[in-house]
N, C-alpha and C. Protein backbone atom coordinates (compact mmCIF):
# COMPACT_ATOMS: atom_id res chain seq x y z
N MET A 1 107.00 127.36 54.20
CA MET A 1 108.09 127.04 53.30
C MET A 1 108.81 128.32 52.92
N ILE A 2 110.12 128.32 53.06
CA ILE A 2 110.92 129.48 52.69
C ILE A 2 111.67 129.18 51.41
N ASN A 3 111.59 130.08 50.46
CA ASN A 3 112.33 129.96 49.21
C ASN A 3 112.98 131.32 48.97
N THR A 4 114.27 131.41 49.27
CA THR A 4 114.98 132.69 49.26
C THR A 4 116.13 132.65 48.26
N SER A 5 116.32 133.72 47.54
CA SER A 5 117.45 133.85 46.62
C SER A 5 118.67 134.39 47.38
N LEU A 6 119.68 133.54 47.57
CA LEU A 6 120.90 134.01 48.23
C LEU A 6 121.60 135.06 47.38
N THR A 7 121.48 134.95 46.07
CA THR A 7 122.09 135.93 45.17
C THR A 7 121.49 137.31 45.41
N ALA A 8 120.16 137.39 45.51
CA ALA A 8 119.50 138.67 45.76
C ALA A 8 119.84 139.20 47.15
N LEU A 9 119.83 138.31 48.15
CA LEU A 9 120.18 138.73 49.52
C LEU A 9 121.62 139.23 49.58
N ALA A 10 122.52 138.55 48.89
CA ALA A 10 123.93 138.95 48.87
C ALA A 10 124.07 140.35 48.27
N ARG A 11 123.40 140.59 47.17
CA ARG A 11 123.45 141.89 46.51
C ARG A 11 122.93 142.98 47.44
N GLU A 12 121.81 142.71 48.09
CA GLU A 12 121.20 143.68 49.02
C GLU A 12 122.12 143.98 50.20
N GLN A 13 122.67 142.94 50.83
CA GLN A 13 123.53 143.14 51.99
C GLN A 13 124.84 143.84 51.61
N LEU A 14 125.36 143.55 50.42
CA LEU A 14 126.57 144.22 49.96
C LEU A 14 126.32 145.72 49.76
N GLU A 15 125.18 146.07 49.20
CA GLU A 15 124.83 147.49 49.04
C GLU A 15 124.73 148.18 50.40
N LEU A 16 124.10 147.50 51.36
CA LEU A 16 123.98 148.07 52.71
C LEU A 16 125.34 148.20 53.38
N ALA A 17 126.22 147.22 53.20
CA ALA A 17 127.57 147.28 53.79
C ALA A 17 128.37 148.43 53.19
N ARG A 18 128.22 148.64 51.89
CA ARG A 18 128.95 149.74 51.23
C ARG A 18 128.52 151.09 51.79
N ALA A 19 127.25 151.20 52.17
CA ALA A 19 126.71 152.47 52.68
C ALA A 19 126.96 152.64 54.18
N ALA A 20 127.28 151.56 54.88
CA ALA A 20 127.45 151.61 56.34
C ALA A 20 128.87 152.04 56.71
N SER A 21 128.99 152.86 57.74
CA SER A 21 130.32 153.29 58.19
C SER A 21 131.14 152.11 58.71
N SER A 22 130.47 151.07 59.19
CA SER A 22 131.16 149.88 59.69
C SER A 22 131.69 148.99 58.57
N GLY A 23 131.17 149.20 57.35
CA GLY A 23 131.59 148.37 56.22
C GLY A 23 131.03 146.96 56.29
N ARG A 24 129.93 146.79 57.01
CA ARG A 24 129.32 145.46 57.08
C ARG A 24 127.82 145.57 57.28
N SER A 25 127.14 144.47 56.97
CA SER A 25 125.69 144.41 57.12
C SER A 25 125.32 142.94 57.26
N SER A 26 124.22 142.67 57.96
CA SER A 26 123.78 141.28 58.11
C SER A 26 122.27 141.20 58.23
N ASN A 27 121.76 140.01 57.92
CA ASN A 27 120.34 139.75 58.03
C ASN A 27 120.15 138.26 58.32
N THR A 28 119.47 137.95 59.41
CA THR A 28 119.15 136.55 59.70
C THR A 28 118.01 136.14 58.80
N VAL A 29 118.27 135.12 57.97
CA VAL A 29 117.28 134.69 56.99
C VAL A 29 116.50 133.47 57.46
N PHE A 30 117.02 132.76 58.44
CA PHE A 30 116.30 131.63 59.01
C PHE A 30 116.69 131.49 60.47
N GLY A 31 115.70 131.19 61.30
CA GLY A 31 115.98 130.94 62.71
C GLY A 31 115.77 132.17 63.55
N GLY A 32 116.31 132.10 64.72
CA GLY A 32 116.13 133.16 65.70
C GLY A 32 116.02 132.55 67.07
N ARG A 33 115.50 133.28 67.98
CA ARG A 33 115.42 132.82 69.38
C ARG A 33 114.65 131.51 69.55
N GLN A 34 113.65 131.30 68.74
CA GLN A 34 112.82 130.11 68.89
C GLN A 34 113.39 128.88 68.17
N HIS A 35 114.52 128.99 67.51
CA HIS A 35 115.12 127.89 66.76
C HIS A 35 116.53 127.59 67.25
N GLN A 36 116.98 126.36 67.06
CA GLN A 36 118.37 126.02 67.32
C GLN A 36 119.23 126.37 66.11
N LEU A 37 118.68 126.21 64.91
CA LEU A 37 119.41 126.51 63.68
C LEU A 37 119.21 127.97 63.31
N ARG A 38 120.32 128.65 63.00
CA ARG A 38 120.24 130.04 62.57
C ARG A 38 121.13 130.23 61.34
N GLN A 39 120.58 130.89 60.33
CA GLN A 39 121.35 131.20 59.13
C GLN A 39 121.29 132.71 58.91
N THR A 40 122.48 133.29 58.76
CA THR A 40 122.61 134.74 58.63
C THR A 40 123.48 135.07 57.43
N VAL A 41 122.98 135.96 56.59
CA VAL A 41 123.78 136.48 55.47
C VAL A 41 124.54 137.69 56.01
N ILE A 42 125.87 137.66 55.84
CA ILE A 42 126.74 138.75 56.33
C ILE A 42 127.57 139.26 55.17
N ALA A 43 127.54 140.57 54.97
CA ALA A 43 128.38 141.22 53.95
C ALA A 43 129.46 142.02 54.66
N LEU A 44 130.69 141.88 54.18
CA LEU A 44 131.84 142.63 54.71
C LEU A 44 132.61 143.24 53.55
N MET A 45 132.94 144.50 53.67
CA MET A 45 133.77 145.14 52.66
C MET A 45 135.22 144.68 52.85
N ALA A 46 135.99 144.73 51.78
CA ALA A 46 137.40 144.31 51.82
C ALA A 46 138.13 144.99 52.97
N GLY A 47 138.88 144.19 53.75
CA GLY A 47 139.64 144.73 54.86
C GLY A 47 138.88 144.79 56.17
N ARG A 48 137.57 144.60 56.13
CA ARG A 48 136.76 144.62 57.36
C ARG A 48 136.79 143.25 58.01
N LYS A 49 136.56 143.23 59.31
CA LYS A 49 136.74 142.00 60.07
C LYS A 49 135.65 141.86 61.12
N LEU A 50 135.24 140.61 61.35
CA LEU A 50 134.44 140.28 62.53
C LEU A 50 135.47 139.88 63.57
N ASP A 51 135.62 140.68 64.62
CA ASP A 51 136.67 140.46 65.62
C ASP A 51 136.51 139.12 66.32
N ASP A 52 137.57 138.73 67.05
CA ASP A 52 137.55 137.47 67.79
C ASP A 52 136.27 137.32 68.60
N HIS A 53 135.69 136.15 68.48
CA HIS A 53 134.49 135.82 69.26
C HIS A 53 134.41 134.31 69.42
N ALA A 54 133.67 133.88 70.41
CA ALA A 54 133.52 132.44 70.69
C ALA A 54 132.57 131.81 69.68
N ASN A 55 132.75 130.53 69.44
CA ASN A 55 131.85 129.77 68.60
C ASN A 55 130.63 129.41 69.44
N PRO A 56 129.42 129.86 69.03
CA PRO A 56 128.24 129.60 69.85
C PRO A 56 127.68 128.18 69.70
N GLY A 57 128.24 127.39 68.81
CA GLY A 57 127.75 126.04 68.55
C GLY A 57 128.35 125.54 67.25
N GLU A 58 127.85 124.42 66.73
CA GLU A 58 128.33 123.94 65.44
C GLU A 58 128.04 125.01 64.40
N ALA A 59 129.03 125.29 63.54
CA ALA A 59 128.85 126.37 62.58
C ALA A 59 129.65 126.14 61.31
N THR A 60 129.12 126.67 60.21
CA THR A 60 129.83 126.69 58.93
C THR A 60 129.72 128.07 58.31
N VAL A 61 130.70 128.39 57.48
CA VAL A 61 130.68 129.62 56.69
C VAL A 61 130.67 129.20 55.23
N HIS A 62 129.62 129.56 54.51
CA HIS A 62 129.54 129.32 53.07
C HIS A 62 129.84 130.66 52.40
N VAL A 63 130.91 130.72 51.62
CA VAL A 63 131.26 131.96 50.93
C VAL A 63 130.39 132.07 49.68
N VAL A 64 129.47 133.01 49.70
CA VAL A 64 128.56 133.24 48.58
C VAL A 64 129.26 134.04 47.50
N GLN A 65 130.08 135.00 47.93
CA GLN A 65 130.75 135.90 47.00
C GLN A 65 132.01 136.44 47.66
N GLY A 66 133.10 136.59 46.92
CA GLY A 66 134.32 137.20 47.43
C GLY A 66 135.30 136.19 48.00
N ARG A 67 136.19 136.69 48.87
CA ARG A 67 137.21 135.86 49.54
C ARG A 67 137.33 136.29 50.98
N VAL A 68 137.40 135.29 51.88
CA VAL A 68 137.52 135.57 53.31
C VAL A 68 138.60 134.69 53.92
N ARG A 69 139.03 135.08 55.12
CA ARG A 69 139.98 134.27 55.90
C ARG A 69 139.42 134.11 57.31
N LEU A 70 139.24 132.86 57.72
CA LEU A 70 138.82 132.53 59.08
C LEU A 70 140.08 132.23 59.87
N GLU A 71 140.26 132.92 60.99
CA GLU A 71 141.49 132.78 61.77
C GLU A 71 141.17 132.38 63.21
N THR A 72 141.95 131.45 63.75
CA THR A 72 141.87 131.10 65.16
C THR A 72 143.29 130.91 65.65
N GLY A 73 143.73 131.76 66.52
CA GLY A 73 145.09 131.62 67.06
C GLY A 73 146.12 131.52 65.96
N GLU A 74 146.75 130.35 65.86
CA GLU A 74 147.82 130.15 64.88
C GLU A 74 147.32 129.62 63.54
N ASN A 75 146.07 129.24 63.43
CA ASN A 75 145.54 128.63 62.21
C ASN A 75 144.68 129.61 61.43
N ALA A 76 144.68 129.43 60.11
CA ALA A 76 143.84 130.25 59.23
C ALA A 76 143.41 129.43 58.03
N TRP A 77 142.18 129.68 57.58
CA TRP A 77 141.64 129.00 56.41
C TRP A 77 141.05 130.07 55.51
N GLU A 78 141.39 130.00 54.21
CA GLU A 78 140.81 130.93 53.25
C GLU A 78 139.74 130.23 52.45
N GLY A 79 138.74 131.00 52.08
CA GLY A 79 137.66 130.49 51.24
C GLY A 79 137.25 131.52 50.22
N ALA A 80 136.89 131.05 49.04
CA ALA A 80 136.41 131.91 47.96
C ALA A 80 134.99 131.47 47.60
N SER A 81 134.37 132.19 46.69
CA SER A 81 133.00 131.89 46.29
C SER A 81 132.79 130.39 46.10
N GLY A 82 131.75 129.88 46.76
CA GLY A 82 131.41 128.47 46.64
C GLY A 82 132.04 127.58 47.70
N HIS A 83 133.00 128.09 48.47
CA HIS A 83 133.67 127.29 49.50
C HIS A 83 132.82 127.23 50.76
N LEU A 84 132.96 126.11 51.46
CA LEU A 84 132.31 125.90 52.75
C LEU A 84 133.40 125.64 53.77
N ILE A 85 133.43 126.45 54.83
CA ILE A 85 134.46 126.33 55.86
C ILE A 85 133.79 125.95 57.18
N GLU A 86 134.26 124.88 57.79
CA GLU A 86 133.77 124.51 59.11
C GLU A 86 134.41 125.44 60.13
N VAL A 87 133.61 126.01 61.00
CA VAL A 87 134.12 126.91 62.03
C VAL A 87 134.57 126.06 63.22
N PRO A 88 135.86 126.16 63.58
CA PRO A 88 136.34 125.35 64.70
C PRO A 88 135.73 125.80 66.02
N ASN A 89 135.73 124.89 66.98
CA ASN A 89 135.19 125.18 68.30
C ASN A 89 136.25 125.93 69.11
N ALA A 90 136.48 127.16 68.73
CA ALA A 90 137.49 128.01 69.37
C ALA A 90 137.18 129.46 69.05
N ASN A 91 137.78 130.39 69.80
CA ASN A 91 137.65 131.79 69.44
C ASN A 91 138.20 131.98 68.03
N HIS A 92 137.52 132.81 67.25
CA HIS A 92 137.92 132.99 65.86
C HIS A 92 137.49 134.38 65.38
N SER A 93 138.08 134.77 64.25
CA SER A 93 137.70 136.01 63.59
C SER A 93 137.53 135.72 62.11
N LEU A 94 136.90 136.64 61.40
CA LEU A 94 136.69 136.49 59.96
C LEU A 94 137.06 137.79 59.28
N LEU A 95 137.99 137.72 58.34
CA LEU A 95 138.47 138.88 57.59
C LEU A 95 138.01 138.79 56.15
N ALA A 96 137.49 139.88 55.61
CA ALA A 96 137.14 139.94 54.19
C ALA A 96 138.38 140.37 53.41
N ILE A 97 138.89 139.49 52.57
CA ILE A 97 140.04 139.80 51.72
C ILE A 97 139.57 140.66 50.55
N GLU A 98 138.38 140.36 50.05
CA GLU A 98 137.70 141.14 49.01
C GLU A 98 136.32 141.49 49.57
N ASP A 99 135.59 142.39 48.89
CA ASP A 99 134.19 142.59 49.26
C ASP A 99 133.54 141.22 49.22
N SER A 100 132.91 140.81 50.31
CA SER A 100 132.45 139.43 50.44
C SER A 100 131.08 139.33 51.09
N VAL A 101 130.41 138.23 50.77
CA VAL A 101 129.15 137.87 51.41
C VAL A 101 129.25 136.41 51.80
N ILE A 102 128.87 136.12 53.05
CA ILE A 102 128.87 134.74 53.53
C ILE A 102 127.49 134.38 54.05
N LEU A 103 127.22 133.08 54.09
CA LEU A 103 126.05 132.56 54.77
C LEU A 103 126.59 131.80 55.97
N LEU A 104 126.36 132.35 57.16
CA LEU A 104 126.79 131.72 58.40
C LEU A 104 125.64 130.84 58.90
N THR A 105 125.93 129.56 59.08
CA THR A 105 124.95 128.62 59.60
C THR A 105 125.44 128.14 60.96
N VAL A 106 124.59 128.28 61.98
CA VAL A 106 124.96 127.93 63.34
C VAL A 106 123.84 127.11 63.98
N VAL A 107 124.23 126.04 64.66
CA VAL A 107 123.31 125.32 65.52
C VAL A 107 123.68 125.73 66.93
N LEU A 108 122.81 126.49 67.56
CA LEU A 108 123.10 127.07 68.87
C LEU A 108 123.07 126.01 69.97
N ARG A 109 123.99 126.15 70.90
CA ARG A 109 124.00 125.29 72.08
C ARG A 109 122.99 125.82 73.08
N HIS A 110 122.30 124.95 73.73
CA HIS A 110 121.33 125.38 74.76
C HIS A 110 121.75 124.87 76.09
């Protein structure tokens, strides 16, 4: 049984992102190679971006803290703390509008 504080993980990842030259940090909190479901806490400093990449499966972005913009081609969706954004099945990027922490949940395709 896993009982994890997202608030504590968010604080930790934000501190690591602030110290990193890339302005980001992540930690997979559930799942991995042996699971289809994967949940990863990702911290991004304001203005930092996860560049365009393919959707590996069904996915959602839960904004734990801050504000982000998910972009795919001509479409964009913004989310703030507490928002849940469905990741479309298309190449997409994620921009941190403010210092932000998200919980990325993905069901990997096999």
